[in-house]
Amino acid sequence: MKKKMLAVVLAAVMTAGCCSQAVMADDGDVTLKVFSNLPDRKNGQGLVEQMIIDEYMKENPNVKIEVEALDEEAYKTKFKAYSMEGMPDVVSIWGQPAFLDEVVEAGVLAELNADDYADYKFIEGSLNGFTYDGKLYGLPRNTDVACIYYNQKMFEDNGWEVPATYEEMLALAGEIKEKDIVPMAMAGGDGWPMAVYLSDVIYKVAGQDYADIVSNAVKLGDFSDENLKKATELLKEAADAGLFQNGYDSQDYGTAMNLFTNGQAAMFYMGSWESSMALNEDIPEEIRTNIRMFTMPVVEGGKAAATDIAAWNGGGYAVSADSEVKEEAVKFLNYMYQPDKLSKYGWENGVGMSAQDQSEYMTGEETELQMQIVDAVNQATSVSGTPINDCGPSAFKTSIESEIQSVSNGSVSAEDFLAAIGAACK
């Protein structure tokens, strides 16, 4: 009921007179506002996005595209503000219930014509998360895989083996710490990376029952399932074993990544979108050329095999329902998703797996890291789908991402944590 009320309020505010920030000049020139969650415009996905924007403006000299790019948490905060005062024309979104349902109900996003994308080579099922009540409201950018990145040279120099089980990974943490090296860099302060880690462990514990277990827990507000309890306890065991750096529970994405890319951490837990680290010349050559990955190891007594992996279709783009130049905004979106644009450029710049078929763009010159991720997806016997933090209403997402640090560091029990996030669903 609260979600629906919020939607009504937002819709009413926008209907009352808020308008898009796009500008249409009398001479036919158009200014498009793009609001992005990719602040780094020189590497990774931000670079790819900017390349396409630059090309579009060159091919369409009457169009000026202005970009506002913020990191993820700041982005989501400002997105809420824009929902009240007028949304930019093209925006980053997430194809997950915790995000999409409310903004669609609020009337923030324009409906897209699904038939327009029949020849865009989207992977089977990739559009599902961007569909609400049978209507399409956005397009996915990536197939995301939860990765444990590691420094291969550091492992080889110290005689460390890639762990085959969760228990081996925790034992390895002790060996790494003896060398005064951080075992695994974790952006715990941001909340969501730890929630993804928890999802990963739940999947290893519950196997293909994951989706039903999480869905039922959210629906009933009851997270007492033994699989959820065991996975939560395994998260705490990891923290207790010193797998993460000191202060992980308050440190952000950039801090965690820097620990790894500066050679202070042996591993880094993050999504496949960071595979561009292997091509980033700002990272010392000895490190970037030795970045490899593995997926979450199996859990003793768990139902999932090593080839059952945490993967989902997450971020993408949408058009504002309020855009005064909606036709141009849709035209730009469709240009971006032409198979030889976002998908091709993303592959060439090592930003992970596209939500579109990329097979024809493989050159044989891919980094080993890229090919490891491709192999992980191609060899997957099953994938988890949406991480747990994005499977419920926004109050649940806020709760789990703000409470998970407390259960990992032992401030609250697993039972109390699960009860708290369950209450947020009611």
Protein backbone atom coordinates (compact mmCIF):
# COMPACT_ATOMS: atom_id res chain seq x y z
CA MET A 1 0.00 0.00 0.00
CA LYS A 2 2.82 2.43 0.87
CA LYS A 3 4.48 1.73 -2.49
CA LYS A 4 1.28 2.44 -4.37
CA MET A 5 0.71 5.61 -2.38
CA LEU A 6 4.21 6.81 -3.25
CA ALA A 7 3.55 6.10 -6.87
CA VAL A 8 0.34 8.09 -6.82
CA VAL A 9 2.03 11.02 -5.13
CA LEU A 10 4.93 11.08 -7.58
CA ALA A 11 2.61 10.75 -10.54
CA ALA A 12 0.43 13.58 -9.26
CA VAL A 13 3.40 15.86 -8.75
CA MET A 14 4.70 15.25 -12.23
CA THR A 15 1.30 15.67 -13.82
CA ALA A 16 0.88 18.95 -12.01
CA GLY A 17 3.49 20.67 -14.09
CA CYS A 18 6.96 19.19 -13.85
CA CYS A 19 8.63 18.78 -17.18
CA SER A 20 11.73 17.25 -18.71
CA GLN A 21 14.89 19.26 -18.89
CA ALA A 22 15.33 18.68 -22.61
CA VAL A 23 15.35 21.68 -24.90
CA MET A 24 13.93 21.96 -28.41
CA ALA A 25 15.12 25.12 -30.16
CA ASP A 26 13.07 26.95 -32.77
CA ASP A 27 15.64 26.08 -35.43
CA GLY A 28 15.22 22.33 -34.84
CA ASP A 29 18.28 21.86 -32.67
CA VAL A 30 17.71 19.50 -29.75
CA THR A 31 19.42 19.17 -26.38
CA LEU A 32 19.09 15.76 -24.73
CA LYS A 33 19.83 15.29 -21.04
CA VAL A 34 21.37 11.93 -20.14
CA PHE A 35 21.51 10.98 -16.47
CA SER A 36 24.04 8.20 -15.89
CA ASN A 37 25.40 6.13 -13.00
CA LEU A 38 28.79 5.83 -14.75
CA PRO A 39 30.98 8.72 -13.56
CA ASP A 40 34.26 7.35 -14.97
CA ARG A 41 34.14 8.48 -18.61
CA LYS A 42 37.66 7.25 -19.47
CA ASN A 43 37.36 3.56 -18.58
CA GLY A 44 34.85 0.73 -18.57
CA GLN A 45 31.15 1.25 -19.15
CA GLY A 46 31.38 5.02 -18.79
CA LEU A 47 33.88 5.15 -21.65
CA VAL A 48 31.62 3.02 -23.85
CA GLU A 49 28.62 5.20 -23.05
CA GLN A 50 30.55 8.37 -23.90
CA MET A 51 31.87 6.87 -27.17
CA ILE A 52 28.31 6.24 -28.33
CA ILE A 53 27.15 9.69 -27.25
CA ASP A 54 30.01 11.33 -29.17
CA GLU A 55 29.24 9.27 -32.28
CA TYR A 56 25.54 10.11 -32.12
CA MET A 57 26.22 13.83 -31.93
CA LYS A 58 28.63 13.58 -34.86
CA GLU A 59 26.03 11.78 -36.96
CA ASN A 60 23.24 14.08 -35.78
CA PRO A 61 24.73 17.60 -35.66
CA ASN A 62 21.41 19.10 -34.61
CA VAL A 63 21.53 17.14 -31.33
CA LYS A 64 23.53 18.16 -28.28
CA ILE A 65 23.73 15.57 -25.50
CA GLU A 66 24.54 16.75 -22.00
CA VAL A 67 25.60 14.12 -19.48
CA GLU A 68 25.24 14.17 -15.71
CA ALA A 69 27.05 11.17 -14.25
CA LEU A 70 27.16 10.25 -10.56
CA ASP A 71 28.33 7.19 -8.67
CA GLU A 72 25.61 4.69 -7.85
CA GLU A 73 24.48 5.77 -4.40
CA ALA A 74 24.48 9.49 -5.25
CA TYR A 75 22.71 8.62 -8.49
CA LYS A 76 19.86 6.82 -6.77
CA THR A 77 19.39 9.69 -4.32
CA LYS A 78 19.18 12.27 -7.09
CA PHE A 79 16.97 10.00 -9.20
CA LYS A 80 14.36 10.26 -6.44
CA ALA A 81 14.64 14.04 -6.52
CA TYR A 82 14.30 14.12 -10.30
CA SER A 83 11.19 11.94 -9.99
CA MET A 84 9.58 14.85 -8.19
CA GLU A 85 10.91 17.76 -10.21
CA GLY A 86 11.31 16.49 -13.76
CA MET A 87 13.41 13.60 -15.04
CA PRO A 88 16.21 13.96 -17.63
CA ASP A 89 15.40 12.44 -21.01
CA VAL A 90 17.48 9.23 -20.92
CA VAL A 91 18.32 7.66 -17.56
CA SER A 92 20.14 4.69 -16.08
CA ILE A 93 17.81 2.19 -14.43
CA TRP A 94 17.89 -1.30 -12.89
CA GLY A 95 15.69 -4.11 -14.14
CA GLN A 96 14.84 -5.36 -10.67
CA PRO A 97 11.60 -5.16 -8.68
CA ALA A 98 13.10 -3.08 -5.87
CA PHE A 99 13.79 -0.32 -8.37
CA LEU A 100 11.59 -0.75 -11.42
CA ASP A 101 8.19 -1.43 -9.87
CA GLU A 102 7.94 1.81 -7.97
CA VAL A 103 9.19 4.11 -10.71
CA VAL A 104 6.87 2.53 -13.28
CA GLU A 105 3.92 2.81 -10.91
CA ALA A 106 4.88 6.45 -10.38
CA GLY A 107 4.72 7.11 -14.11
CA VAL A 108 8.38 8.10 -14.35
CA LEU A 109 9.36 5.95 -17.36
CA ALA A 110 8.03 5.90 -20.91
CA GLU A 111 6.76 2.63 -22.34
CA LEU A 112 8.90 1.29 -25.17
CA ASN A 113 7.69 -0.67 -28.19
CA ALA A 114 9.04 -4.20 -27.64
CA ASP A 115 8.64 -5.00 -31.36
CA ASP A 116 11.30 -2.41 -32.17
CA TYR A 117 13.95 -4.66 -30.62
CA ALA A 118 13.16 -7.96 -32.30
CA ASP A 119 16.40 -7.78 -34.31
CA TYR A 120 18.63 -6.38 -31.57
CA LYS A 121 19.94 -9.84 -30.54
CA PHE A 122 18.90 -9.63 -26.88
CA ILE A 123 19.68 -12.82 -24.99
CA GLU A 124 16.63 -14.92 -24.15
CA GLY A 125 15.01 -13.63 -20.97
CA SER A 126 17.19 -10.53 -20.65
CA LEU A 127 14.26 -8.15 -21.18
CA ASN A 128 12.12 -9.76 -18.47
CA GLY A 129 13.46 -7.63 -15.63
CA PHE A 130 12.66 -4.46 -17.58
CA THR A 131 9.08 -5.49 -18.22
CA TYR A 132 6.19 -4.58 -15.94
CA ASP A 133 2.64 -5.83 -16.40
CA GLY A 134 3.58 -7.07 -19.86
CA LYS A 135 4.98 -3.71 -21.01
CA LEU A 136 8.62 -2.84 -21.72
CA TYR A 137 10.10 0.18 -19.89
CA GLY A 138 13.84 -0.19 -20.37
CA LEU A 139 16.67 -2.11 -22.00
CA PRO A 140 19.38 -4.12 -20.21
CA ARG A 141 23.05 -3.29 -20.67
CA ASN A 142 24.83 -6.33 -19.23
CA THR A 143 24.61 -9.90 -18.13
CA ASP A 144 26.18 -9.49 -14.71
CA VAL A 145 28.18 -12.23 -13.00
CA ALA A 146 29.32 -12.14 -9.37
CA CYS A 147 33.12 -12.47 -9.55
CA ILE A 148 35.92 -13.05 -7.11
CA TYR A 149 38.79 -11.30 -8.84
CA TYR A 150 42.27 -12.36 -7.80
CA ASN A 151 45.90 -11.46 -8.47
CA GLN A 152 47.26 -14.52 -10.26
CA LYS A 153 50.93 -13.56 -9.83
CA MET A 154 50.45 -12.97 -6.12
CA PHE A 155 48.80 -16.38 -5.82
CA GLU A 156 51.59 -18.10 -7.77
CA ASP A 157 54.39 -16.31 -5.91
CA ASN A 158 52.96 -17.47 -2.59
CA GLY A 159 51.88 -20.95 -3.63
CA TRP A 160 48.18 -20.22 -3.06
CA GLU A 161 45.56 -22.27 -4.90
CA VAL A 162 42.21 -21.01 -6.10
CA PRO A 163 39.83 -22.43 -3.46
CA ALA A 164 37.43 -25.15 -4.56
CA THR A 165 35.20 -24.87 -1.48
CA TYR A 166 33.99 -22.11 0.80
CA GLU A 167 35.86 -23.69 3.67
CA GLU A 168 39.09 -23.63 1.64
CA MET A 169 38.52 -19.93 0.88
CA LEU A 170 38.26 -19.08 4.57
CA ALA A 171 41.36 -21.14 5.35
CA LEU A 172 43.20 -19.33 2.54
CA ALA A 173 42.26 -16.01 4.16
CA GLY A 174 44.40 -16.95 7.15
CA GLU A 175 47.40 -17.75 4.94
CA ILE A 176 47.07 -14.47 3.08
CA LYS A 177 46.79 -12.44 6.27
CA GLU A 178 50.06 -13.95 7.49
CA LYS A 179 51.71 -12.09 4.59
CA ASP A 180 50.17 -8.78 5.76
CA ILE A 181 47.97 -8.77 2.65
CA VAL A 182 44.21 -8.21 2.66
CA PRO A 183 42.57 -11.48 1.59
CA MET A 184 39.51 -9.97 -0.11
CA ALA A 185 38.61 -6.32 -0.63
CA MET A 186 34.94 -5.74 0.13
CA ALA A 187 32.91 -2.54 -0.34
CA GLY A 188 30.85 -3.25 2.77
CA GLY A 189 29.99 0.35 3.47
CA ASP A 190 27.88 0.54 0.31
CA GLY A 191 25.69 -2.32 1.51
CA TRP A 192 24.72 -3.78 -1.84
CA PRO A 193 28.02 -5.60 -2.58
CA MET A 194 27.63 -7.53 0.66
CA ALA A 195 24.00 -8.25 -0.17
CA VAL A 196 25.16 -9.67 -3.51
CA TYR A 197 27.77 -11.73 -1.64
CA LEU A 198 25.00 -13.05 0.62
CA SER A 199 22.89 -13.88 -2.46
CA ASP A 200 25.84 -15.74 -3.91
CA VAL A 201 26.20 -17.82 -0.76
CA ILE A 202 22.45 -18.45 -0.53
CA TYR A 203 22.56 -19.79 -4.08
CA LYS A 204 25.44 -22.11 -3.21
CA VAL A 205 23.49 -23.35 -0.18
CA ALA A 206 19.99 -23.61 -1.68
CA GLY A 207 20.79 -24.23 -5.35
CA GLN A 208 17.91 -23.75 -7.75
CA ASP A 209 15.49 -23.41 -4.84
CA TYR A 210 16.99 -19.92 -4.35
CA ALA A 211 14.38 -17.98 -6.33
CA ASP A 212 11.40 -19.65 -4.63
CA ILE A 213 12.91 -19.32 -1.16
CA VAL A 214 13.66 -15.62 -1.57
CA SER A 215 10.35 -14.86 -3.31
CA ASN A 216 8.34 -16.58 -0.57
CA ALA A 217 10.34 -14.88 2.17
CA VAL A 218 9.69 -11.44 0.66
CA LYS A 219 6.01 -12.20 0.04
CA LEU A 220 5.40 -13.43 3.60
CA GLY A 221 7.91 -11.21 5.39
CA ASP A 222 9.35 -14.37 6.89
CA PHE A 223 13.07 -15.10 6.44
CA SER A 224 13.28 -18.00 8.88
CA ASP A 225 14.10 -20.54 6.15
CA GLU A 226 17.12 -22.62 7.20
CA ASN A 227 18.91 -21.94 3.91
CA LEU A 228 18.79 -18.20 4.58
CA LYS A 229 19.98 -18.69 8.14
CA LYS A 230 22.89 -20.91 7.07
CA ALA A 231 24.01 -18.47 4.36
CA THR A 232 23.87 -15.54 6.79
CA GLU A 233 25.99 -17.48 9.27
CA LEU A 234 28.49 -18.26 6.50
CA LEU A 235 28.76 -14.54 5.76
CA LYS A 236 29.60 -13.91 9.42
CA GLU A 237 32.11 -16.77 9.35
CA ALA A 238 33.87 -15.08 6.46
CA ALA A 239 34.16 -11.82 8.36
CA ASP A 240 35.26 -13.66 11.52
CA ALA A 241 37.95 -15.47 9.51
CA GLY A 242 39.34 -12.09 8.41
CA LEU A 243 38.42 -12.60 4.76
CA PHE A 244 37.63 -8.88 4.40
CA GLN A 245 39.83 -5.89 5.19
CA ASN A 246 39.73 -4.03 8.51
CA GLY A 247 36.95 -1.46 8.33
CA TYR A 248 35.24 -3.21 5.38
CA ASP A 249 31.83 -2.51 6.91
CA SER A 250 32.25 1.26 6.42
CA GLN A 251 34.41 1.43 3.28
CA ASP A 252 33.06 2.18 -0.18
CA TYR A 253 33.47 0.79 -3.69
CA GLY A 254 36.44 2.97 -4.63
CA THR A 255 38.34 2.15 -1.45
CA ALA A 256 37.87 -1.58 -1.95
CA MET A 257 38.86 -1.46 -5.60
CA ASN A 258 41.97 0.58 -4.82
CA LEU A 259 43.10 -1.99 -2.27
CA PHE A 260 43.03 -4.61 -5.00
CA THR A 261 44.40 -2.58 -7.90
CA ASN A 262 47.23 -1.22 -5.75
CA GLY A 263 48.33 -4.73 -4.81
CA GLN A 264 47.26 -4.50 -1.16
CA ALA A 265 44.54 -7.16 -1.51
CA ALA A 266 44.78 -10.60 -3.07
CA MET A 267 41.10 -10.73 -4.07
CA PHE A 268 38.22 -8.35 -4.78
CA TYR A 269 34.52 -9.22 -4.70
CA MET A 270 32.60 -7.40 -7.43
CA GLY A 271 30.57 -7.88 -10.62
CA SER A 272 31.78 -8.79 -14.09
CA TRP A 273 31.39 -5.17 -15.22
CA GLU A 274 34.79 -4.53 -13.63
CA SER A 275 36.54 -6.90 -16.04
CA SER A 276 37.79 -3.74 -17.77
CA MET A 277 40.40 -3.57 -14.99
CA ALA A 278 42.51 -5.82 -17.22
CA LEU A 279 42.66 -3.04 -19.83
CA ASN A 280 42.87 -0.03 -17.53
CA GLU A 281 46.28 1.57 -17.99
CA ASP A 282 45.83 3.53 -14.76
CA ILE A 283 46.37 0.20 -12.98
CA PRO A 284 50.02 -0.94 -12.75
CA GLU A 285 50.82 -3.35 -15.59
CA GLU A 286 52.00 -6.12 -13.28
CA ILE A 287 48.61 -6.11 -11.60
CA ARG A 288 46.22 -5.53 -14.52
CA THR A 289 47.82 -8.25 -16.67
CA ASN A 290 47.46 -10.73 -13.81
CA ILE A 291 43.84 -10.14 -12.86
CA ARG A 292 41.83 -13.35 -13.04
CA MET A 293 38.51 -14.49 -11.59
CA PHE A 294 36.61 -17.40 -10.11
CA THR A 295 33.06 -17.72 -8.94
CA MET A 296 31.88 -18.44 -5.41
CA PRO A 297 33.19 -21.86 -4.33
CA VAL A 298 30.78 -24.62 -3.37
CA VAL A 299 29.52 -24.87 0.19
CA GLU A 300 29.78 -28.13 2.10
CA GLY A 301 26.31 -29.68 2.17
CA GLY A 302 25.01 -27.09 -0.30
CA LYS A 303 22.78 -27.97 -3.27
CA ALA A 304 24.66 -25.95 -5.92
CA ALA A 305 27.58 -27.13 -8.03
CA ALA A 306 30.60 -25.04 -8.93
CA THR A 307 28.94 -24.31 -12.28
CA ASP A 308 25.76 -22.94 -10.66
CA ILE A 309 26.63 -19.25 -10.57
CA ALA A 310 25.24 -15.94 -9.36
CA ALA A 311 24.33 -14.05 -12.54
CA TRP A 312 21.56 -11.67 -13.55
CA ASN A 313 20.58 -8.86 -15.90
CA GLY A 314 20.87 -5.67 -13.93
CA GLY A 315 21.55 -2.15 -15.16
CA GLY A 316 20.30 -0.52 -18.33
CA TYR A 317 18.60 2.55 -19.77
CA ALA A 318 15.13 4.03 -20.11
CA VAL A 319 13.41 7.14 -21.47
CA SER A 320 11.62 9.65 -19.25
CA ALA A 321 7.84 9.67 -19.57
CA ASP A 322 8.02 13.46 -19.27
CA SER A 323 10.55 14.10 -22.02
CA GLU A 324 9.53 16.96 -24.27
CA VAL A 325 11.68 15.40 -27.00
CA LYS A 326 10.67 11.80 -26.40
CA GLU A 327 10.96 10.86 -30.07
CA GLU A 328 14.61 11.97 -30.15
CA ALA A 329 15.29 10.29 -26.80
CA VAL A 330 13.93 6.97 -28.07
CA LYS A 331 15.90 7.41 -31.30
CA PHE A 332 19.10 7.84 -29.29
CA LEU A 333 18.29 4.84 -27.08
CA ASN A 334 17.69 2.68 -30.14
CA TYR A 335 20.95 3.91 -31.67
CA MET A 336 22.82 3.00 -28.50
CA TYR A 337 21.48 -0.56 -28.61
CA GLN A 338 22.21 -1.28 -32.23
CA PRO A 339 24.17 -4.54 -32.00
CA ASP A 340 27.31 -2.89 -33.38
CA LYS A 341 27.28 -0.16 -30.73
CA LEU A 342 26.84 -0.88 -27.01
CA SER A 343 27.42 -4.62 -27.28
CA LYS A 344 30.40 -4.40 -29.65
CA TYR A 345 32.12 -1.48 -27.93
CA GLY A 346 31.51 -3.03 -24.54
CA TRP A 347 33.20 -6.23 -25.60
CA GLU A 348 36.13 -4.42 -27.19
CA ASN A 349 36.68 -2.45 -24.01
CA GLY A 350 36.39 -5.42 -21.69
CA VAL A 351 33.34 -4.36 -19.70
CA GLY A 352 31.87 -7.82 -19.25
CA MET A 353 29.06 -9.72 -20.88
CA SER A 354 26.42 -7.84 -22.81
CA ALA A 355 22.70 -8.60 -22.58
CA GLN A 356 22.96 -8.94 -26.38
CA ASP A 357 24.70 -11.67 -28.36
CA GLN A 358 28.37 -10.66 -28.69
CA SER A 359 29.75 -13.77 -30.35
CA GLU A 360 30.44 -12.12 -33.71
CA TYR A 361 32.63 -9.47 -32.09
CA MET A 362 35.12 -11.88 -30.54
CA THR A 363 38.50 -11.27 -32.16
CA GLY A 364 40.82 -13.73 -30.48
CA GLU A 365 42.61 -10.84 -28.81
CA GLU A 366 40.43 -10.80 -25.72
CA THR A 367 42.03 -10.70 -22.29
CA GLU A 368 42.22 -13.92 -20.35
CA LEU A 369 39.94 -12.32 -17.79
CA GLN A 370 37.27 -11.69 -20.43
CA MET A 371 37.42 -15.28 -21.58
CA GLN A 372 37.17 -16.57 -18.02
CA ILE A 373 33.88 -14.70 -17.61
CA VAL A 374 32.63 -15.96 -20.98
CA ASP A 375 33.50 -19.50 -19.96
CA ALA A 376 31.77 -19.09 -16.59
CA VAL A 377 28.55 -18.06 -18.36
CA ASN A 378 28.82 -20.61 -21.17
CA GLN A 379 29.52 -23.45 -18.75
CA ALA A 380 26.89 -22.43 -16.21
CA THR A 381 24.43 -25.19 -15.38
CA SER A 382 22.11 -22.61 -13.79
CA VAL A 383 22.11 -18.94 -12.77
CA SER A 384 20.64 -17.32 -9.69
CA GLY A 385 18.78 -14.36 -11.15
CA THR A 386 18.15 -11.16 -9.21
CA PRO A 387 20.23 -10.63 -6.03
CA ILE A 388 18.23 -10.81 -2.83
CA ASN A 389 18.41 -7.07 -2.07
CA ASP A 390 16.60 -6.29 -5.31
CA CYS A 391 13.84 -8.87 -4.88
CA GLY A 392 11.52 -6.84 -2.68
CA PRO A 393 10.11 -3.36 -2.06
CA SER A 394 12.40 -0.40 -1.52
CA ALA A 395 11.97 -0.55 2.27
CA PHE A 396 13.34 -4.10 2.19
CA LYS A 397 16.26 -3.08 -0.01
CA THR A 398 17.10 -0.23 2.35
CA SER A 399 16.83 -2.53 5.35
CA ILE A 400 19.05 -5.34 4.08
CA GLU A 401 21.72 -2.97 2.73
CA SER A 402 21.89 -1.02 5.98
CA GLU A 403 21.61 -4.00 8.36
CA ILE A 404 23.96 -6.47 6.67
CA GLN A 405 27.12 -4.90 8.12
CA SER A 406 25.79 -5.48 11.63
CA VAL A 407 25.20 -9.19 11.13
CA SER A 408 28.55 -9.70 9.42
CA ASN A 409 30.52 -8.00 12.20
CA GLY A 410 28.56 -9.74 14.93
CA SER A 411 26.69 -6.72 16.27
CA VAL A 412 23.40 -8.55 15.77
CA SER A 413 22.56 -12.23 15.45
CA ALA A 414 21.57 -13.93 12.21
CA GLU A 415 18.08 -14.46 13.63
CA ASP A 416 17.63 -10.77 14.48
CA PHE A 417 18.95 -9.69 11.08
CA LEU A 418 16.57 -11.99 9.25
CA ALA A 419 13.66 -10.86 11.41
CA ALA A 420 14.46 -7.20 10.71
CA ILE A 421 14.59 -7.56 6.92
CA GLY A 422 11.41 -9.64 7.06
CA ALA A 423 9.62 -6.88 8.95
CA ALA A 424 10.62 -4.42 6.20
CA CYS A 425 8.57 -6.46 3.71
CA LYS A 426 5.33 -6.05 5.66
